[in-house]
């Protein structure tokens, strides 16, 4: 498992705790993983991580942020072809 995958796994675990603090920590880990996947040029994983950030933002009540991240995820997925 590479670093980005480890960050993603850690973020997913934090997200399941569903507290404000754990969701915020999950988003931070997702953002770190996102950077790694972008550097690797992995558009599929980029779309997945953007979606997870959007879902976490929604859970925090940050609805506009959630929409923004979901739209980015759609764009990343569409650019995969």
C-alpha atoms as a PDB file:
ATOM      1  CA  UNK A   1       0.000   0.000   0.000  1.00  0.00           C
ATOM      2  CA  UNK A   2       1.471   3.348  -1.024  1.00  0.00           C
ATOM      3  CA  UNK A   3       1.316   6.596   0.936  1.00  0.00           C
ATOM      4  CA  UNK A   4      -1.765   7.930  -0.848  1.00  0.00           C
ATOM      5  CA  UNK A   5      -3.628   4.679  -0.240  1.00  0.00           C
ATOM      6  CA  UNK A   6      -2.620   4.751   3.443  1.00  0.00           C
ATOM      7  CA  UNK A   7      -3.885   8.320   3.764  1.00  0.00           C
ATOM      8  CA  UNK A   8      -7.134   7.322   2.070  1.00  0.00           C
ATOM      9  CA  UNK A   9      -7.600   4.346   4.387  1.00  0.00           C
ATOM     10  CA  UNK A  10      -6.952   6.518   7.441  1.00  0.00           C
ATOM     11  CA  UNK A  11      -9.388   9.149   6.205  1.00  0.00           C
ATOM     12  CA  UNK A  12     -12.070   6.533   5.573  1.00  0.00           C
ATOM     13  CA  UNK A  13     -11.648   5.229   9.106  1.00  0.00           C
ATOM     14  CA  UNK A  14     -11.937   8.732  10.568  1.00  0.00           C
ATOM     15  CA  UNK A  15     -15.011   9.427   8.439  1.00  0.00           C
ATOM     16  CA  UNK A  16     -16.863   6.463   9.962  1.00  0.00           C
ATOM     17  CA  UNK A  17     -16.595   8.060  13.423  1.00  0.00           C
ATOM     18  CA  UNK A  18     -18.926  10.845  12.212  1.00  0.00           C
ATOM     19  CA  UNK A  19     -17.882  13.496  14.721  1.00  0.00           C
ATOM     20  CA  UNK A  20     -17.106  17.054  13.686  1.00  0.00           C
ATOM     21  CA  UNK A  21     -13.475  16.578  14.707  1.00  0.00           C
ATOM     22  CA  UNK A  22     -13.043  13.223  12.962  1.00  0.00           C
ATOM     23  CA  UNK A  23     -14.695  14.508   9.776  1.00  0.00           C
ATOM     24  CA  UNK A  24     -12.375  17.531   9.754  1.00  0.00           C
ATOM     25  CA  UNK A  25      -9.382  15.239  10.260  1.00  0.00           C
ATOM     26  CA  UNK A  26     -10.656  12.974   7.486  1.00  0.00           C
ATOM     27  CA  UNK A  27     -10.883  15.919   5.093  1.00  0.00           C
ATOM     28  CA  UNK A  28      -7.288  16.886   5.899  1.00  0.00           C
ATOM     29  CA  UNK A  29      -6.120  13.337   5.133  1.00  0.00           C
ATOM     30  CA  UNK A  30      -8.222  13.219   1.951  1.00  0.00           C
ATOM     31  CA  UNK A  31      -6.597  16.453   0.814  1.00  0.00           C
ATOM     32  CA  UNK A  32      -3.129  14.996   1.397  1.00  0.00           C
ATOM     33  CA  UNK A  33      -4.110  11.876  -0.539  1.00  0.00           C
ATOM     34  CA  UNK A  34      -5.585  14.045  -3.292  1.00  0.00           C
ATOM     35  CA  UNK A  35      -2.235  15.768  -3.772  1.00  0.00           C
ATOM     36  CA  UNK A  36      -0.492  12.406  -4.064  1.00  0.00           C
ATOM     37  CA  UNK A  37      -3.007  11.063  -6.596  1.00  0.00           C
ATOM     38  CA  UNK A  38      -2.759  14.283  -8.629  1.00  0.00           C
ATOM     39  CA  UNK A  39       1.038  14.008  -8.715  1.00  0.00           C
ATOM     40  CA  UNK A  40       0.698  10.408  -9.866  1.00  0.00           C
ATOM     41  CA  UNK A  41      -1.769  11.453 -12.570  1.00  0.00           C
ATOM     42  CA  UNK A  42      -4.408   9.040 -11.239  1.00  0.00           C
ATOM     43  CA  UNK A  43      -7.645  10.694 -12.368  1.00  0.00           C
ATOM     44  CA  UNK A  44      -9.836   7.842 -11.151  1.00  0.00           C
ATOM     45  CA  UNK A  45      -8.569   8.108  -7.587  1.00  0.00           C
ATOM     46  CA  UNK A  46      -8.634  11.888  -7.789  1.00  0.00           C
ATOM     47  CA  UNK A  47     -12.363  11.728  -8.595  1.00  0.00           C
ATOM     48  CA  UNK A  48     -12.977   9.256  -5.763  1.00  0.00           C
ATOM     49  CA  UNK A  49     -11.145  11.390  -3.206  1.00  0.00           C
ATOM     50  CA  UNK A  50     -12.881  14.585  -4.322  1.00  0.00           C
ATOM     51  CA  UNK A  51     -16.188  12.759  -3.883  1.00  0.00           C
ATOM     52  CA  UNK A  52     -15.203  11.666  -0.362  1.00  0.00           C
ATOM     53  CA  UNK A  53     -14.239  15.234   0.558  1.00  0.00           C
ATOM     54  CA  UNK A  54     -17.626  16.333  -0.751  1.00  0.00           C
ATOM     55  CA  UNK A  55     -19.439  13.689   1.288  1.00  0.00           C
ATOM     56  CA  UNK A  56     -17.498  14.642   4.413  1.00  0.00           C
ATOM     57  CA  UNK A  57     -18.205  18.334   3.845  1.00  0.00           C
ATOM     58  CA  UNK A  58     -21.906  17.522   3.485  1.00  0.00           C
ATOM     59  CA  UNK A  59     -21.817  15.618   6.775  1.00  0.00           C
ATOM     60  CA  UNK A  60     -20.351  18.736   8.405  1.00  0.00           C
ATOM     61  CA  UNK A  61     -23.196  20.846   7.027  1.00  0.00           C
ATOM     62  CA  UNK A  62     -20.874  22.630   4.586  1.00  0.00           C
ATOM     63  CA  UNK A  63     -23.243  22.207   1.669  1.00  0.00           C
ATOM     64  CA  UNK A  64     -21.703  24.645  -0.799  1.00  0.00           C
ATOM     65  CA  UNK A  65     -18.257  23.111  -0.252  1.00  0.00           C
ATOM     66  CA  UNK A  66     -19.809  19.682  -0.763  1.00  0.00           C
ATOM     67  CA  UNK A  67     -21.326  20.766  -4.075  1.00  0.00           C
ATOM     68  CA  UNK A  68     -18.018  22.289  -5.207  1.00  0.00           C
ATOM     69  CA  UNK A  69     -16.097  19.090  -4.445  1.00  0.00           C
ATOM     70  CA  UNK A  70     -18.718  16.899  -6.125  1.00  0.00           C
ATOM     71  CA  UNK A  71     -18.556  19.056  -9.247  1.00  0.00           C
ATOM     72  CA  UNK A  72     -14.754  18.728  -9.263  1.00  0.00           C
ATOM     73  CA  UNK A  73     -15.155  14.959  -8.901  1.00  0.00           C
ATOM     74  CA  UNK A  74     -17.508  14.875 -11.878  1.00  0.00           C
ATOM     75  CA  UNK A  75     -15.059  16.896 -13.959  1.00  0.00           C
ATOM     76  CA  UNK A  76     -12.154  14.632 -12.994  1.00  0.00           C
ATOM     77  CA  UNK A  77     -14.190  11.546 -13.823  1.00  0.00           C
ATOM     78  CA  UNK A  78     -15.302  12.987 -17.154  1.00  0.00           C
ATOM     79  CA  UNK A  79     -11.735  13.842 -18.136  1.00  0.00           C
ATOM     80  CA  UNK A  80     -10.801  10.176 -17.740  1.00  0.00           C
ATOM     81  CA  UNK A  81     -12.746   9.431 -20.880  1.00  0.00           C
END
